[in-house]
Protein backbone atom coordinates (compact mmCIF):
# COMPACT_ATOMS: atom_id res chain seq x y z
CA UNK A 1 0.00 0.00 0.00
CA UNK A 2 2.73 2.45 0.98
CA UNK A 3 4.93 1.69 -2.02
CA UNK A 4 2.03 2.03 -4.46
CA UNK A 5 0.98 5.29 -2.83
CA UNK A 6 4.53 6.63 -2.99
CA UNK A 7 4.77 5.65 -6.67
CA UNK A 8 1.70 7.75 -7.46
CA UNK A 9 2.90 10.67 -5.33
CA UNK A 10 6.31 10.68 -7.03
CA UNK A 11 4.62 10.77 -10.42
CA UNK A 12 2.41 13.67 -9.31
CA UNK A 13 5.43 15.58 -8.00
CA UNK A 14 7.15 15.13 -11.37
CA UNK A 15 4.03 16.57 -13.02
CA UNK A 16 4.51 19.71 -10.94
CA UNK A 17 2.09 19.14 -8.08
CA UNK A 18 2.89 20.39 -4.58
CA UNK A 19 3.30 17.16 -2.57
CA UNK A 20 4.10 17.18 1.14
CA UNK A 21 4.29 14.31 3.62
CA UNK A 22 4.46 14.37 7.43
CA UNK A 23 5.34 11.14 9.23
CA UNK A 24 5.74 10.27 12.89
CA UNK A 25 9.32 9.23 13.63
CA UNK A 26 8.59 6.82 16.47
CA UNK A 27 5.60 5.24 14.73
CA UNK A 28 7.65 4.53 11.61
CA UNK A 29 10.67 2.86 13.23
CA UNK A 30 11.83 0.04 10.98
CA UNK A 31 9.07 0.74 8.44
CA UNK A 32 9.90 4.02 6.73
CA UNK A 33 13.57 3.66 5.81
CA UNK A 34 16.16 6.31 5.02
CA UNK A 35 16.27 5.04 1.43
CA UNK A 36 12.49 5.42 1.04
CA UNK A 37 12.68 8.95 2.39
CA UNK A 38 15.55 9.90 0.07
CA UNK A 39 13.68 8.50 -2.96
CA UNK A 40 10.67 10.68 -2.17
CA UNK A 41 12.81 13.81 -1.71
CA UNK A 42 14.68 13.10 -4.95
CA UNK A 43 11.32 12.92 -6.75
CA UNK A 44 10.51 16.45 -5.55
CA UNK A 45 8.37 15.59 -2.52
CA UNK A 46 8.79 17.55 0.71
CA UNK A 47 9.15 15.09 3.60
CA UNK A 48 8.84 16.26 7.21
CA UNK A 49 9.69 14.19 10.28
CA UNK A 50 7.71 14.77 13.45
CA UNK A 51 9.78 14.49 16.63
CA UNK A 52 12.90 12.86 15.11
CA UNK A 53 14.42 10.16 17.28
CA UNK A 54 17.68 11.12 19.00
CA UNK A 55 19.90 9.60 21.66
CA UNK A 56 18.92 12.49 23.93
CA UNK A 57 15.66 12.57 25.83
CA UNK A 58 13.53 15.69 25.56
CA UNK A 59 10.22 16.92 26.91
CA UNK A 60 8.47 16.10 23.62
CA UNK A 61 9.66 12.49 23.43
CA UNK A 62 6.25 11.09 24.47
CA UNK A 63 4.26 13.19 21.98
CA UNK A 64 3.17 11.51 18.76
CA UNK A 65 1.80 12.74 15.44
CA UNK A 66 -1.24 10.48 15.31
CA UNK A 67 -3.35 12.47 12.83
CA UNK A 68 -4.30 10.81 9.56
CA UNK A 69 -4.96 13.51 6.96
CA UNK A 70 -5.05 13.54 3.19
CA UNK A 71 -5.75 17.00 1.75
CA UNK A 72 -6.18 17.24 -2.03
CA UNK A 73 -6.49 20.45 -4.07
CA UNK A 74 -8.31 22.21 -1.25
CA UNK A 75 -11.52 20.42 -2.20
CA UNK A 76 -11.21 16.77 -1.11
CA UNK A 77 -10.01 15.41 2.22
CA UNK A 78 -9.82 12.14 4.10
CA UNK A 79 -9.39 11.26 7.75
CA UNK A 80 -9.96 8.27 10.01
CA UNK A 81 -7.92 5.48 11.56
CA UNK A 82 -5.98 4.29 8.50
CA UNK A 83 -2.21 4.31 8.17
CA UNK A 84 -0.18 3.40 5.07
CA UNK A 85 0.39 -0.26 5.95
CA UNK A 86 -0.78 -3.52 4.42
CA UNK A 87 -2.57 -4.80 7.51
CA UNK A 88 -5.04 -1.90 7.26
CA UNK A 89 -6.24 -3.30 3.93
CA UNK A 90 -5.94 -6.93 5.11
CA UNK A 91 -3.27 -7.61 2.49
CA UNK A 92 -1.08 -8.74 5.37
CA UNK A 93 -2.59 -10.33 8.48
CA UNK A 94 -1.05 -9.41 11.83
CA UNK A 95 -3.86 -9.57 14.37
CA UNK A 96 -6.63 -11.39 12.54
CA UNK A 97 -8.97 -9.37 10.34
CA UNK A 98 -8.28 -5.64 10.65
CA UNK A 99 -11.38 -3.46 10.91
CA UNK A 100 -11.02 0.29 10.44
CA UNK A 101 -13.04 3.37 9.48
CA UNK A 102 -12.37 6.45 7.40
CA UNK A 103 -14.41 9.26 5.92
CA UNK A 104 -14.16 11.33 2.72
CA UNK A 105 -15.20 14.98 2.48
CA UNK A 106 -15.75 17.36 -0.39
CA UNK A 107 -16.13 21.11 -0.03
CA UNK A 108 -15.30 23.77 2.54
CA UNK A 109 -14.30 21.41 5.36
CA UNK A 110 -11.32 20.32 3.27
CA UNK A 111 -9.67 23.70 3.86
CA UNK A 112 -9.81 22.96 7.59
CA UNK A 113 -7.84 19.75 7.08
CA UNK A 114 -5.40 21.57 4.78
CA UNK A 115 -4.90 24.24 7.43
CA UNK A 116 -4.38 21.57 10.09
CA UNK A 117 -1.65 20.01 7.96
CA UNK A 118 0.06 23.33 7.19
CA UNK A 119 0.08 24.32 10.85
CA UNK A 120 1.72 20.98 11.65
CA UNK A 121 4.52 21.91 9.24
CA UNK A 122 5.11 25.05 11.29
CA UNK A 123 5.04 22.96 14.45
CA UNK A 124 7.79 20.75 13.04
CA UNK A 125 9.92 23.55 11.58
CA UNK A 126 9.20 27.20 12.37
CA UNK A 127 11.56 28.25 9.57
CA UNK A 128 9.34 26.72 6.90
CA UNK A 129 7.78 29.48 4.80
CA UNK A 130 4.10 28.81 4.16
CA UNK A 131 1.83 31.14 2.20
CA UNK A 132 -1.42 30.34 4.01
CA UNK A 133 -3.37 32.86 1.91
CA UNK A 134 -2.30 31.09 -1.29
CA UNK A 135 -3.55 27.73 -0.08
CA UNK A 136 -6.76 29.24 1.25
CA UNK A 137 -7.41 30.98 -2.06
CA UNK A 138 -6.93 27.68 -3.92
CA UNK A 139 -9.37 26.02 -1.56
CA UNK A 140 -12.04 28.71 -1.76
CA UNK A 141 -11.85 28.80 -5.56
CA UNK A 142 -12.97 25.18 -5.76
CA UNK A 143 -16.60 24.77 -6.73
CA UNK A 144 -18.00 21.49 -5.44
CA UNK A 145 -21.33 19.97 -6.28
CA UNK A 146 -22.36 17.59 -3.50
CA UNK A 147 -25.40 15.48 -2.81
CA UNK A 148 -25.58 16.63 0.80
CA UNK A 149 -27.94 19.59 1.12
CA UNK A 150 -28.23 19.65 4.91
CA UNK A 151 -26.27 19.14 8.05
CA UNK A 152 -22.91 20.32 9.37
CA UNK A 153 -19.40 18.87 9.24
CA UNK A 154 -16.55 20.18 11.39
CA UNK A 155 -12.85 19.23 11.49
CA UNK A 156 -11.33 19.35 14.97
CA UNK A 157 -7.64 19.44 15.81
CA UNK A 158 -6.27 18.45 19.21
CA UNK A 159 -2.88 18.03 20.83
CA UNK A 160 -0.80 18.69 23.93
CA UNK A 161 -0.55 22.36 22.93
CA UNK A 162 -4.35 22.71 23.11
CA UNK A 163 -5.38 22.89 26.76
CA UNK A 164 -9.09 22.94 25.92
CA UNK A 165 -9.02 19.22 25.05
CA UNK A 166 -11.65 19.55 22.31
CA UNK A 167 -11.74 15.86 21.36
CA UNK A 168 -12.45 14.70 24.90
CA UNK A 169 -15.00 17.52 25.26
CA UNK A 170 -16.80 16.41 22.09
CA UNK A 171 -16.85 12.77 23.17
CA UNK A 172 -18.27 13.69 26.57
CA UNK A 173 -20.82 16.10 25.08
CA UNK A 174 -22.14 13.38 22.77
CA UNK A 175 -22.46 10.96 25.69
CA UNK A 176 -24.09 13.53 28.00
CA UNK A 177 -26.67 14.78 25.47
CA UNK A 178 -27.72 11.42 24.00
CA UNK A 179 -31.39 10.58 24.57
CA UNK A 180 -31.74 7.27 22.70
CA UNK A 181 -28.37 5.62 22.05
CA UNK A 182 -24.59 6.03 21.84
CA UNK A 183 -22.55 3.47 19.88
CA UNK A 184 -18.75 3.57 20.13
CA UNK A 185 -15.85 1.73 18.50
CA UNK A 186 -12.31 2.11 19.82
CA UNK A 187 -9.23 -0.11 19.96
CA UNK A 188 -8.08 1.23 23.34
CA UNK A 189 -10.12 2.15 26.39
CA UNK A 190 -8.39 3.90 29.30
CA UNK A 191 -10.52 6.94 30.04
CA UNK A 192 -10.68 9.70 32.63
CA UNK A 193 -12.94 9.45 35.66
CA UNK A 194 -15.07 12.24 34.20
CA UNK A 195 -15.70 10.40 30.93
CA UNK A 196 -16.33 7.13 32.76
CA UNK A 197 -18.93 8.89 34.90
CA UNK A 198 -20.59 10.29 31.76
CA UNK A 199 -20.86 6.81 30.25
CA UNK A 200 -22.20 5.24 33.43
CA UNK A 201 -24.70 8.03 34.09
CA UNK A 202 -25.94 7.93 30.51
CA UNK A 203 -26.56 4.19 30.67
CA UNK A 204 -28.20 4.42 34.10
CA UNK A 205 -30.46 7.13 32.69
CA UNK A 206 -31.87 4.75 30.09
CA UNK A 207 -29.62 5.49 27.09
CA UNK A 208 -28.56 2.44 25.05
CA UNK A 209 -24.76 2.61 25.37
CA UNK A 210 -22.71 0.05 23.42
CA UNK A 211 -18.96 -0.28 22.87
CA UNK A 212 -17.04 -2.52 20.46
CA UNK A 213 -13.44 -3.37 21.36
CA UNK A 214 -10.85 -5.79 19.89
CA UNK A 215 -10.94 -9.52 20.59
CA UNK A 216 -7.46 -10.06 19.17
CA UNK A 217 -5.23 -7.28 20.58
CA UNK A 218 -2.21 -5.64 19.02
CA UNK A 219 -0.88 -5.08 22.54
CA UNK A 220 -1.92 -7.68 25.13
CA UNK A 221 -0.99 -5.53 28.10
CA UNK A 222 -3.27 -2.75 26.81
CA UNK A 223 -6.13 -5.19 26.31
CA UNK A 224 -5.81 -6.41 29.91
CA UNK A 225 -6.00 -2.80 31.08
CA UNK A 226 -9.02 -2.19 28.84
CA UNK A 227 -10.80 -5.26 30.20
CA UNK A 228 -10.41 -3.97 33.74
CA UNK A 229 -13.27 -1.57 32.94
CA UNK A 230 -15.68 -4.28 31.77
CA UNK A 231 -17.26 -5.09 35.11
CA UNK A 232 -18.16 -1.52 36.02
CA UNK A 233 -19.44 -0.86 32.48
CA UNK A 234 -21.56 -4.02 32.39
CA UNK A 235 -22.91 -3.41 35.89
CA UNK A 236 -24.27 -0.03 34.73
CA UNK A 237 -26.06 -1.64 31.80
CA UNK A 238 -23.53 -0.74 29.09
CA UNK A 239 -23.26 -3.45 26.44
CA UNK A 240 -19.69 -4.47 25.66
CA UNK A 241 -18.70 -6.41 22.54
CA UNK A 242 -15.42 -7.73 21.20
CA UNK A 243 -14.72 -7.88 17.47
CA UNK A 244 -14.14 -11.62 17.11
CA UNK A 245 -12.37 -11.85 13.70
CA UNK A 246 -9.47 -9.73 14.87
CA UNK A 247 -8.50 -6.17 15.71
CA UNK A 248 -10.88 -3.22 15.47
CA UNK A 249 -8.90 -0.03 14.95
CA UNK A 250 -11.75 2.34 14.01
CA UNK A 251 -12.51 5.31 16.23
CA UNK A 252 -16.18 6.17 15.77
CA UNK A 253 -19.11 7.60 17.71
CA UNK A 254 -22.72 7.72 16.59
CA UNK A 255 -25.70 8.94 18.60
CA UNK A 256 -29.45 9.29 18.05
CA UNK A 257 -29.14 9.07 14.22
CA UNK A 258 -27.98 12.70 14.32
CA UNK A 259 -24.39 12.96 15.51
CA UNK A 260 -21.33 11.06 14.33
CA UNK A 261 -17.56 11.14 14.73
CA UNK A 262 -14.86 9.52 12.60
CA UNK A 263 -11.23 10.30 13.31
CA UNK A 264 -7.85 9.29 14.67
CA UNK A 265 -8.44 9.71 18.41
CA UNK A 266 -8.75 6.65 20.65
CA UNK A 267 -10.49 6.61 24.01
CA UNK A 268 -7.32 6.60 26.06
CA UNK A 269 -5.04 8.95 27.94
CA UNK A 270 -2.49 9.10 25.13
CA UNK A 271 -4.97 10.33 22.54
CA UNK A 272 -6.58 12.81 24.90
CA UNK A 273 -3.39 14.31 26.32
CA UNK A 274 -0.20 13.34 24.50
CA UNK A 275 -0.88 12.80 20.80
CA UNK A 276 -1.68 15.24 18.03
CA UNK A 277 -5.08 14.03 16.84
CA UNK A 278 -7.92 15.00 14.54
CA UNK A 279 -11.58 14.05 14.29
CA UNK A 280 -14.48 14.94 12.05
CA UNK A 281 -17.76 15.78 13.75
CA UNK A 282 -20.85 15.42 11.56
CA UNK A 283 -24.40 16.44 12.43
CA UNK A 284 -27.60 15.58 10.56
CA UNK A 285 -25.87 14.84 7.24
CA UNK A 286 -27.36 11.38 6.74
CA UNK A 287 -23.94 9.74 6.96
CA UNK A 288 -24.53 9.16 10.67
CA UNK A 289 -26.86 6.29 9.74
CA UNK A 290 -24.06 4.68 7.72
CA UNK A 291 -21.90 4.63 10.87
CA UNK A 292 -24.80 3.15 12.84
CA UNK A 293 -25.54 0.49 10.22
CA UNK A 294 -21.87 -0.54 10.15
CA UNK A 295 -21.94 -0.85 13.94
CA UNK A 296 -25.12 -2.96 13.94
CA UNK A 297 -23.72 -5.18 11.19
CA UNK A 298 -20.61 -5.87 13.28
CA UNK A 299 -22.68 -6.75 16.34
CA UNK A 300 -24.90 -9.13 14.39
CA UNK A 301 -22.18 -10.85 12.35
CA UNK A 302 -18.72 -10.32 13.85
CA UNK A 303 -18.87 -9.72 17.59
CA UNK A 304 -18.95 -11.58 20.87
CA UNK A 305 -21.09 -9.94 23.56
CA UNK A 306 -19.46 -9.89 26.98
CA UNK A 307 -21.99 -10.88 29.65
CA UNK A 308 -21.64 -9.73 33.26
CA UNK A 309 -22.57 -13.11 34.75
CA UNK A 310 -19.78 -14.77 32.75
CA UNK A 311 -17.24 -11.99 33.16
CA UNK A 312 -17.29 -11.96 36.96
CA UNK A 313 -16.37 -15.66 36.95
CA UNK A 314 -12.97 -15.04 35.34
CA UNK A 315 -9.95 -16.20 37.38
CA UNK A 316 -9.05 -14.09 40.40
CA UNK A 317 -5.45 -13.60 39.24
CA UNK A 318 -6.73 -11.91 36.09
CA UNK A 319 -8.73 -9.45 38.17
CA UNK A 320 -5.61 -8.59 40.17
CA UNK A 321 -3.46 -8.10 37.06
CA UNK A 322 -6.12 -5.97 35.36
CA UNK A 323 -6.49 -3.77 38.43
CA UNK A 324 -2.73 -3.23 38.66
CA UNK A 325 -2.50 -2.37 34.96
CA UNK A 326 -5.29 0.18 35.28
CA UNK A 327 -3.07 2.09 37.71
CA UNK A 328 -0.46 2.49 34.97
CA UNK A 329 -2.83 2.82 31.99
CA UNK A 330 -1.76 6.42 31.30
CA UNK A 331 1.71 5.12 30.39
CA UNK A 332 0.63 2.79 27.57
């Protein structure tokens, strides 16, 4: 997937297009080689490294560029959970069947994703000269005919330099204002006490709260920490499912057939406080029902429901290990 994508990008750069790539240094260890990087630069592509690895520790070492953004011509944009790796397309199997989610936009919102990307360039290198007005003009000149005639779509950026924590605030607002249901998919679950209280109170108030998590983990220690929450969730009436065929990596919310989220942010401490993330918030566009239908299809065909009466019978040593891991969940 990566090599084919790079082949196309190199061809576009040779045709004169402005092609820029940002990659996370730590996340690409052993995957994005020096030779690959040099080939892209030689083809005329600008390649930027977020938080380059060094032998010296620094205060930014634990921060990651976790956004997934594709911004095209100021008129088309993509975001979601996908990286450029074969397991995301199930060409290569690592943790069973890989389930992910992404979303494509056309129109004004694409400038927001372009702006997010350009600001990240400045974050990486303050000496980079960026003509924001030029890119904005290109974006605003695009005339897009879409089939969506209603609703709102918003791109949200979050990171350790944003103390307002907009992603966590959006997640909690969706949970707190739901009147019928909230359906969530996330690969990692290590949330704040405030968000946990929101979930529990929503379920106790009669809202149908359901969460899908992986059955086959990419990190076993993280799954054990995640499972430490099961008992309290199930006791409050929240339905918990595990994606049986493999690893679910999608990060989605959908509520009341009106509100949806697709993005890069997991429900864990790292995404809420340490990573640079992005999500798309959609309201009353009609696409929310697509997210819901995908969720229902997984439950009916691909998931195991975790039952409280069975879960509390698990071995005592597992309960101890899970409880200990929860204490250190912010480190994973």
